[in-house]
Amino acid sequence: MTTNLPAGFDPLPLEDFEPLLLSTKEQFDTYWGATKPLLERCVKRAMHGEMTIDDIYNAALQGKMYIFVVKCDKTITKSVKLALVLEIVHYPKLPAMNIVALGGNDLDALHEKYWKMLCGWAYMNSVRVIERWRQNKTEGVRDSTRERKRVKLTTEIEGGKKE
């Protein structure tokens, strides 16, 4: 039986998905196949040769990076809706975490549902700031600039103003 679903329609409701930190080889074996394509788009578009998808995979297996996924186990093949790669940044006086890569679907809904949980996890692991680098490209200009944004975790957890 064939069903004609609208383009972009996901038959799995968001409530069927849950977050997971990939922390064992078995979890990587189970979810990497669905996670890799989400991260590859980000790596190809934003990394500019800094690292490859294999570098991220190997660093995560070694505990140098963290990969969170929002996944659903109710299907035959594991479904991953979002993948987030983080790394600890060792500043002398400020424990921080850098968002290395992010890919997926329904980002707005998933951000609303899981961001405070992620911030709580980071805070409990001594991180006080999450930062990300954003590529700023000007149309027609060959070189681009990078801009760093930071979010204090106490502000995020308490629901206050972002910095």
N, C-alpha and C. Protein backbone atom coordinates (compact mmCIF):
# COMPACT_ATOMS: atom_id res chain seq x y z
N MET A 1 0.83 -1.18 0.00
CA MET A 1 0.00 0.00 0.00
C MET A 1 0.87 1.24 0.00
N THR A 2 0.65 2.13 -0.94
CA THR A 2 1.42 3.37 -1.05
C THR A 2 0.59 4.52 -0.52
N THR A 3 1.24 5.34 0.29
CA THR A 3 0.55 6.54 0.78
C THR A 3 1.20 7.75 0.14
N ASN A 4 0.40 8.72 -0.21
CA ASN A 4 0.91 9.96 -0.78
C ASN A 4 0.92 11.02 0.31
N LEU A 5 2.10 11.23 0.89
CA LEU A 5 2.24 12.21 1.95
C LEU A 5 2.78 13.51 1.36
N PRO A 6 2.39 14.65 1.91
CA PRO A 6 2.92 15.92 1.42
C PRO A 6 4.43 15.97 1.60
N ALA A 7 5.11 16.71 0.73
CA ALA A 7 6.56 16.87 0.81
C ALA A 7 6.93 17.43 2.18
N GLY A 8 7.94 16.85 2.80
CA GLY A 8 8.41 17.31 4.11
C GLY A 8 7.61 16.79 5.28
N PHE A 9 6.55 16.01 5.02
CA PHE A 9 5.72 15.48 6.09
C PHE A 9 6.47 14.36 6.79
N ASP A 10 6.54 14.44 8.10
CA ASP A 10 7.18 13.40 8.90
C ASP A 10 6.08 12.64 9.63
N PRO A 11 5.88 11.36 9.30
CA PRO A 11 4.79 10.62 9.92
C PRO A 11 5.01 10.33 11.41
N LEU A 12 6.21 10.54 11.92
CA LEU A 12 6.47 10.29 13.33
C LEU A 12 6.26 11.59 14.12
N PRO A 13 5.39 11.55 15.11
CA PRO A 13 5.18 12.77 15.91
C PRO A 13 6.41 13.10 16.76
N LEU A 14 6.60 14.36 17.01
CA LEU A 14 7.74 14.84 17.78
C LEU A 14 7.80 14.18 19.17
N GLU A 15 6.65 13.84 19.71
CA GLU A 15 6.59 13.22 21.03
C GLU A 15 7.25 11.84 21.06
N ASP A 16 7.42 11.22 19.90
CA ASP A 16 8.07 9.90 19.83
C ASP A 16 9.59 9.98 19.87
N PHE A 17 10.14 11.18 19.84
CA PHE A 17 11.58 11.38 19.83
C PHE A 17 12.08 11.72 21.22
N GLU A 18 13.32 11.31 21.51
CA GLU A 18 13.93 11.64 22.79
C GLU A 18 15.43 11.88 22.60
N PRO A 19 16.03 12.67 23.49
CA PRO A 19 17.45 12.99 23.35
C PRO A 19 18.34 11.85 23.87
N LEU A 20 19.53 11.77 23.30
CA LEU A 20 20.51 10.78 23.74
C LEU A 20 21.91 11.32 23.47
N LEU A 21 22.78 11.21 24.46
CA LEU A 21 24.20 11.49 24.28
C LEU A 21 24.84 10.19 23.82
N LEU A 22 25.41 10.18 22.62
CA LEU A 22 26.09 8.98 22.13
C LEU A 22 27.36 8.80 22.96
N SER A 23 27.40 7.73 23.74
CA SER A 23 28.54 7.56 24.66
C SER A 23 29.17 6.18 24.61
N THR A 24 28.59 5.26 23.87
CA THR A 24 29.17 3.92 23.76
C THR A 24 29.32 3.57 22.28
N LYS A 25 30.19 2.64 22.01
CA LYS A 25 30.38 2.17 20.63
C LYS A 25 29.08 1.59 20.09
N GLU A 26 28.32 0.93 20.93
CA GLU A 26 27.05 0.34 20.50
C GLU A 26 26.07 1.44 20.07
N GLN A 27 26.03 2.55 20.83
CA GLN A 27 25.14 3.66 20.46
C GLN A 27 25.59 4.29 19.14
N PHE A 28 26.89 4.45 18.97
CA PHE A 28 27.39 4.99 17.70
C PHE A 28 27.03 4.05 16.55
N ASP A 29 27.20 2.76 16.76
CA ASP A 29 26.85 1.80 15.72
C ASP A 29 25.37 1.86 15.37
N THR A 30 24.53 2.08 16.36
CA THR A 30 23.08 2.12 16.16
C THR A 30 22.62 3.40 15.47
N TYR A 31 23.15 4.56 15.86
CA TYR A 31 22.60 5.83 15.40
C TYR A 31 23.46 6.60 14.41
N TRP A 32 24.71 6.21 14.22
CA TRP A 32 25.59 6.99 13.36
C TRP A 32 25.11 7.03 11.91
N GLY A 33 24.55 5.95 11.41
CA GLY A 33 24.06 5.93 10.03
C GLY A 33 23.02 7.00 9.76
N ALA A 34 22.15 7.28 10.72
CA ALA A 34 21.13 8.32 10.56
C ALA A 34 21.65 9.70 10.97
N THR A 35 22.70 9.75 11.78
CA THR A 35 23.26 11.01 12.27
C THR A 35 24.21 11.63 11.26
N LYS A 36 25.02 10.81 10.64
CA LYS A 36 26.06 11.28 9.73
C LYS A 36 25.56 12.21 8.63
N PRO A 37 24.48 11.88 7.92
CA PRO A 37 24.02 12.78 6.85
C PRO A 37 23.59 14.16 7.38
N LEU A 38 23.03 14.21 8.58
CA LEU A 38 22.62 15.49 9.15
C LEU A 38 23.84 16.38 9.41
N LEU A 39 24.91 15.77 9.92
CA LEU A 39 26.12 16.53 10.22
C LEU A 39 26.95 16.83 8.97
N GLU A 40 26.92 15.94 8.00
CA GLU A 40 27.69 16.17 6.76
C GLU A 40 27.27 17.47 6.08
N ARG A 41 25.99 17.77 6.08
CA ARG A 41 25.53 19.02 5.46
C ARG A 41 26.18 20.22 6.14
N CYS A 42 26.26 20.20 7.45
CA CYS A 42 26.87 21.29 8.20
C CYS A 42 28.37 21.35 7.93
N VAL A 43 29.03 20.21 7.96
CA VAL A 43 30.48 20.17 7.73
C VAL A 43 30.83 20.71 6.34
N LYS A 44 30.09 20.29 5.33
CA LYS A 44 30.36 20.75 3.96
C LYS A 44 30.10 22.23 3.79
N ARG A 45 29.07 22.73 4.45
CA ARG A 45 28.67 24.13 4.28
C ARG A 45 29.47 25.11 5.14
N ALA A 46 29.87 24.68 6.34
CA ALA A 46 30.41 25.65 7.28
C ALA A 46 31.84 25.40 7.75
N MET A 47 32.39 24.23 7.53
CA MET A 47 33.70 23.92 8.11
C MET A 47 34.88 24.44 7.29
N HIS A 48 34.77 24.45 5.99
CA HIS A 48 35.84 24.96 5.11
C HIS A 48 37.18 24.27 5.37
N GLY A 49 37.13 22.95 5.57
CA GLY A 49 38.36 22.18 5.72
C GLY A 49 38.90 22.08 7.13
N GLU A 50 38.24 22.68 8.11
CA GLU A 50 38.71 22.62 9.49
C GLU A 50 38.72 21.19 10.01
N MET A 51 37.68 20.43 9.67
CA MET A 51 37.59 19.03 10.07
C MET A 51 36.61 18.34 9.15
N THR A 52 36.70 17.02 9.16
CA THR A 52 35.79 16.22 8.35
C THR A 52 34.79 15.52 9.26
N ILE A 53 33.82 14.88 8.66
CA ILE A 53 32.84 14.12 9.44
C ILE A 53 33.54 12.97 10.17
N ASP A 54 34.58 12.40 9.55
CA ASP A 54 35.33 11.32 10.20
C ASP A 54 36.12 11.85 11.40
N ASP A 55 36.62 13.08 11.31
CA ASP A 55 37.31 13.69 12.46
C ASP A 55 36.35 13.83 13.64
N ILE A 56 35.13 14.27 13.37
CA ILE A 56 34.13 14.42 14.42
C ILE A 56 33.80 13.06 15.04
N TYR A 57 33.57 12.07 14.21
CA TYR A 57 33.25 10.72 14.68
C TYR A 57 34.36 10.19 15.59
N ASN A 58 35.61 10.27 15.12
CA ASN A 58 36.73 9.75 15.90
C ASN A 58 36.93 10.52 17.20
N ALA A 59 36.79 11.85 17.17
CA ALA A 59 36.93 12.66 18.39
C ALA A 59 35.84 12.30 19.40
N ALA A 60 34.63 12.05 18.92
CA ALA A 60 33.54 11.69 19.83
C ALA A 60 33.78 10.30 20.44
N LEU A 61 34.26 9.36 19.65
CA LEU A 61 34.56 8.03 20.19
C LEU A 61 35.66 8.10 21.24
N GLN A 62 36.57 9.07 21.11
CA GLN A 62 37.66 9.24 22.07
C GLN A 62 37.26 10.11 23.26
N GLY A 63 36.04 10.61 23.27
CA GLY A 63 35.58 11.45 24.37
C GLY A 63 36.05 12.89 24.28
N LYS A 64 36.54 13.33 23.13
CA LYS A 64 37.00 14.70 22.95
C LYS A 64 35.89 15.63 22.47
N MET A 65 34.84 15.06 21.93
CA MET A 65 33.64 15.79 21.53
C MET A 65 32.44 15.00 22.00
N TYR A 66 31.31 15.69 22.06
CA TYR A 66 30.06 15.06 22.49
C TYR A 66 29.05 15.19 21.37
N ILE A 67 28.37 14.10 21.07
CA ILE A 67 27.32 14.12 20.06
C ILE A 67 25.99 13.77 20.73
N PHE A 68 25.08 14.74 20.68
CA PHE A 68 23.72 14.52 21.15
C PHE A 68 22.84 14.31 19.93
N VAL A 69 21.93 13.37 20.03
CA VAL A 69 20.95 13.16 18.97
C VAL A 69 19.55 13.19 19.58
N VAL A 70 18.59 13.57 18.77
CA VAL A 70 17.19 13.42 19.13
C VAL A 70 16.68 12.32 18.21
N LYS A 71 16.33 11.17 18.81
CA LYS A 71 16.09 9.96 18.03
C LYS A 71 14.77 9.31 18.40
N CYS A 72 14.34 8.44 17.49
CA CYS A 72 13.13 7.65 17.70
C CYS A 72 13.47 6.19 17.42
N ASP A 73 13.11 5.33 18.35
CA ASP A 73 13.39 3.89 18.21
C ASP A 73 12.15 3.10 17.81
N LYS A 74 11.07 3.77 17.43
CA LYS A 74 9.82 3.08 17.14
C LYS A 74 9.71 2.62 15.69
N THR A 75 10.80 2.75 14.93
CA THR A 75 10.78 2.33 13.54
C THR A 75 11.82 1.23 13.34
N ILE A 76 11.76 0.56 12.21
CA ILE A 76 12.71 -0.51 11.92
C ILE A 76 14.13 0.05 11.82
N THR A 77 14.28 1.10 11.05
CA THR A 77 15.57 1.79 10.99
C THR A 77 15.49 2.98 11.93
N LYS A 78 16.52 3.20 12.70
CA LYS A 78 16.52 4.26 13.71
C LYS A 78 16.41 5.62 13.03
N SER A 79 15.53 6.45 13.54
CA SER A 79 15.30 7.77 12.99
C SER A 79 15.96 8.81 13.90
N VAL A 80 16.75 9.70 13.31
CA VAL A 80 17.38 10.81 14.04
C VAL A 80 16.90 12.10 13.42
N LYS A 81 16.32 12.95 14.24
CA LYS A 81 15.76 14.21 13.77
C LYS A 81 16.74 15.36 13.93
N LEU A 82 17.67 15.26 14.89
CA LEU A 82 18.63 16.33 15.16
C LEU A 82 19.93 15.74 15.66
N ALA A 83 21.03 16.35 15.27
CA ALA A 83 22.34 15.97 15.79
C ALA A 83 23.10 17.25 16.15
N LEU A 84 23.72 17.23 17.32
CA LEU A 84 24.46 18.38 17.84
C LEU A 84 25.81 17.90 18.32
N VAL A 85 26.88 18.55 17.85
CA VAL A 85 28.24 18.19 18.25
C VAL A 85 28.80 19.33 19.10
N LEU A 86 29.31 18.97 20.28
CA LEU A 86 29.88 19.94 21.21
C LEU A 86 31.29 19.53 21.57
N GLU A 87 32.11 20.53 21.93
CA GLU A 87 33.45 20.24 22.45
C GLU A 87 33.74 21.19 23.61
N ILE A 88 34.49 20.69 24.58
CA ILE A 88 34.91 21.53 25.71
C ILE A 88 36.04 22.43 25.23
N VAL A 89 35.97 23.70 25.62
CA VAL A 89 37.02 24.66 25.31
C VAL A 89 37.69 25.01 26.63
N HIS A 90 38.99 24.83 26.70
CA HIS A 90 39.73 25.02 27.95
C HIS A 90 40.34 26.41 28.02
N TYR A 91 39.53 27.37 28.45
CA TYR A 91 40.05 28.71 28.73
C TYR A 91 40.56 28.72 30.17
N PRO A 92 41.60 29.51 30.46
CA PRO A 92 42.16 29.50 31.82
C PRO A 92 41.16 29.84 32.93
N LYS A 93 40.20 30.71 32.68
CA LYS A 93 39.30 31.15 33.74
C LYS A 93 37.82 30.99 33.42
N LEU A 94 37.50 30.35 32.32
CA LEU A 94 36.09 30.23 31.94
C LEU A 94 35.82 28.89 31.28
N PRO A 95 35.22 27.95 32.01
CA PRO A 95 34.85 26.68 31.37
C PRO A 95 33.77 26.93 30.31
N ALA A 96 34.05 26.52 29.09
CA ALA A 96 33.12 26.79 28.00
C ALA A 96 32.94 25.54 27.14
N MET A 97 31.87 25.56 26.37
CA MET A 97 31.60 24.50 25.42
C MET A 97 31.28 25.15 24.09
N ASN A 98 31.86 24.63 23.04
CA ASN A 98 31.67 25.16 21.69
C ASN A 98 30.71 24.27 20.92
N ILE A 99 29.76 24.89 20.23
CA ILE A 99 28.90 24.16 19.32
C ILE A 99 29.68 23.98 18.02
N VAL A 100 30.07 22.76 17.73
CA VAL A 100 30.89 22.45 16.56
C VAL A 100 30.02 22.31 15.31
N ALA A 101 28.94 21.55 15.43
CA ALA A 101 28.08 21.29 14.28
C ALA A 101 26.66 21.02 14.76
N LEU A 102 25.71 21.37 13.92
CA LEU A 102 24.30 21.16 14.21
C LEU A 102 23.59 20.85 12.90
N GLY A 103 22.78 19.82 12.92
CA GLY A 103 22.03 19.49 11.72
C GLY A 103 20.75 18.77 12.08
N GLY A 104 19.74 18.94 11.24
CA GLY A 104 18.52 18.22 11.48
C GLY A 104 17.28 18.91 10.96
N ASN A 105 16.15 18.46 11.47
CA ASN A 105 14.83 18.94 11.07
C ASN A 105 14.08 19.42 12.30
N ASP A 106 13.12 20.29 12.09
CA ASP A 106 12.29 20.81 13.19
C ASP A 106 13.14 21.48 14.28
N LEU A 107 14.14 22.24 13.88
CA LEU A 107 15.07 22.81 14.84
C LEU A 107 14.38 23.73 15.84
N ASP A 108 13.44 24.53 15.40
CA ASP A 108 12.76 25.44 16.33
C ASP A 108 12.02 24.67 17.42
N ALA A 109 11.27 23.67 17.03
CA ALA A 109 10.50 22.88 18.01
C ALA A 109 11.44 22.12 18.95
N LEU A 110 12.51 21.57 18.41
CA LEU A 110 13.44 20.81 19.24
C LEU A 110 14.24 21.72 20.16
N HIS A 111 14.59 22.91 19.68
CA HIS A 111 15.27 23.88 20.54
C HIS A 111 14.40 24.21 21.74
N GLU A 112 13.16 24.49 21.49
CA GLU A 112 12.24 24.84 22.59
C GLU A 112 12.09 23.68 23.57
N LYS A 113 12.05 22.47 23.06
CA LYS A 113 11.81 21.30 23.90
C LYS A 113 13.04 20.88 24.71
N TYR A 114 14.26 21.02 24.13
CA TYR A 114 15.43 20.42 24.75
C TYR A 114 16.55 21.38 25.17
N TRP A 115 16.50 22.64 24.79
CA TRP A 115 17.63 23.55 25.05
C TRP A 115 17.95 23.67 26.54
N LYS A 116 16.95 23.85 27.39
CA LYS A 116 17.22 23.98 28.82
C LYS A 116 17.81 22.70 29.41
N MET A 117 17.38 21.55 28.91
CA MET A 117 17.96 20.28 29.37
C MET A 117 19.44 20.22 29.01
N LEU A 118 19.77 20.61 27.79
CA LEU A 118 21.17 20.62 27.36
C LEU A 118 21.99 21.58 28.21
N CYS A 119 21.46 22.76 28.47
CA CYS A 119 22.16 23.74 29.30
C CYS A 119 22.38 23.20 30.71
N GLY A 120 21.38 22.51 31.26
CA GLY A 120 21.52 21.90 32.59
C GLY A 120 22.61 20.84 32.60
N TRP A 121 22.65 20.00 31.56
CA TRP A 121 23.70 18.99 31.46
C TRP A 121 25.08 19.64 31.40
N ALA A 122 25.21 20.67 30.58
CA ALA A 122 26.49 21.36 30.45
C ALA A 122 26.90 21.99 31.79
N TYR A 123 25.96 22.64 32.45
CA TYR A 123 26.26 23.29 33.74
C TYR A 123 26.71 22.26 34.77
N MET A 124 26.05 21.12 34.81
CA MET A 124 26.42 20.07 35.76
C MET A 124 27.79 19.47 35.44
N ASN A 125 28.27 19.72 34.23
CA ASN A 125 29.60 19.25 33.82
C ASN A 125 30.61 20.39 33.81
N SER A 126 30.39 21.40 34.65
CA SER A 126 31.31 22.51 34.90
C SER A 126 31.37 23.56 33.80
N VAL A 127 30.55 23.46 32.78
CA VAL A 127 30.55 24.46 31.71
C VAL A 127 29.72 25.66 32.16
N ARG A 128 30.23 26.87 31.92
CA ARG A 128 29.50 28.06 32.31
C ARG A 128 29.08 28.92 31.12
N VAL A 129 29.63 28.62 29.95
CA VAL A 129 29.30 29.37 28.74
C VAL A 129 29.26 28.40 27.57
N ILE A 130 28.25 28.55 26.72
CA ILE A 130 28.24 27.83 25.45
C ILE A 130 28.47 28.87 24.36
N GLU A 131 29.40 28.56 23.47
CA GLU A 131 29.69 29.50 22.39
C GLU A 131 29.57 28.81 21.05
N ARG A 132 29.39 29.63 20.03
CA ARG A 132 29.36 29.11 18.67
C ARG A 132 30.03 30.14 17.77
N TRP A 133 30.59 29.64 16.71
CA TRP A 133 31.16 30.52 15.69
C TRP A 133 30.22 30.51 14.52
N ARG A 134 29.93 31.67 13.99
CA ARG A 134 29.05 31.77 12.83
C ARG A 134 29.82 32.39 11.68
N GLN A 135 29.68 31.78 10.53
CA GLN A 135 30.32 32.28 9.32
C GLN A 135 29.52 33.44 8.76
N ASN A 136 30.17 34.57 8.55
CA ASN A 136 29.51 35.72 7.95
C ASN A 136 30.06 35.89 6.54
N LYS A 137 29.23 35.65 5.57
CA LYS A 137 29.65 35.79 4.17
C LYS A 137 28.91 36.94 3.54
N THR A 138 29.64 37.73 2.80
CA THR A 138 29.04 38.81 2.05
C THR A 138 28.94 38.35 0.60
N GLU A 139 27.79 38.55 0.01
CA GLU A 139 27.56 38.12 -1.37
C GLU A 139 28.63 38.70 -2.29
N GLY A 140 29.29 37.85 -3.06
CA GLY A 140 30.27 38.30 -4.02
C GLY A 140 31.67 38.51 -3.44
N VAL A 141 31.85 38.32 -2.14
CA VAL A 141 33.15 38.50 -1.51
C VAL A 141 33.75 37.13 -1.25
N ARG A 142 34.99 36.97 -1.67
CA ARG A 142 35.62 35.66 -1.56
C ARG A 142 35.92 35.28 -0.10
N ASP A 143 36.43 36.21 0.68
CA ASP A 143 36.76 35.94 2.08
C ASP A 143 35.53 36.14 2.96
N SER A 144 35.52 35.45 4.05
CA SER A 144 34.42 35.61 4.99
C SER A 144 35.00 35.87 6.37
N THR A 145 34.18 36.35 7.26
CA THR A 145 34.61 36.58 8.63
C THR A 145 33.88 35.61 9.54
N ARG A 146 34.42 35.43 10.72
CA ARG A 146 33.78 34.57 11.71
C ARG A 146 33.41 35.41 12.91
N GLU A 147 32.27 35.14 13.46
CA GLU A 147 31.76 35.88 14.59
C GLU A 147 31.46 34.88 15.71
N ARG A 148 31.93 35.19 16.91
CA ARG A 148 31.68 34.31 18.05
C ARG A 148 30.52 34.85 18.88
N LYS A 149 29.59 33.97 19.22
CA LYS A 149 28.46 34.31 20.09
C LYS A 149 28.56 33.45 21.35
N ARG A 150 28.25 34.04 22.50
CA ARG A 150 28.29 33.31 23.76
C ARG A 150 26.96 33.43 24.49
N VAL A 151 26.63 32.38 25.22
CA VAL A 151 25.43 32.35 26.05
C VAL A 151 25.86 31.88 27.44
N LYS A 152 25.58 32.68 28.46
CA LYS A 152 25.86 32.26 29.83
C LYS A 152 24.82 31.24 30.24
N LEU A 153 25.27 30.14 30.80
CA LEU A 153 24.35 29.06 31.13
C LEU A 153 23.41 29.40 32.27
N THR A 154 23.87 30.14 33.26
CA THR A 154 22.97 30.48 34.37
C THR A 154 21.79 31.29 33.85
N THR A 155 22.02 32.13 32.88
CA THR A 155 20.95 32.93 32.30
C THR A 155 19.98 32.04 31.54
N GLU A 156 20.49 31.10 30.77
CA GLU A 156 19.64 30.19 30.00
C GLU A 156 18.81 29.28 30.90
N ILE A 157 19.42 28.75 31.94
CA ILE A 157 18.73 27.82 32.83
C ILE A 157 17.61 28.54 33.58
N GLU A 158 17.89 29.76 34.00
CA GLU A 158 16.90 30.53 34.75
C GLU A 158 15.88 31.20 33.85
N GLY A 159 16.11 31.15 32.53
CA GLY A 159 15.14 31.73 31.58
C GLY A 159 15.24 33.23 31.43
N GLY A 160 16.39 33.78 31.75
CA GLY A 160 16.57 35.22 31.65
C GLY A 160 17.04 35.66 30.29
N LYS A 161 17.54 36.88 30.22
CA LYS A 161 17.98 37.49 28.97
C LYS A 161 19.28 36.86 28.48
N LYS A 162 19.35 36.58 27.18
CA LYS A 162 20.57 36.04 26.58
C LYS A 162 21.56 37.15 26.35
N GLU A 163 22.86 36.78 26.42
CA GLU A 163 23.90 37.77 26.14
C GLU A 163 24.55 37.48 24.81
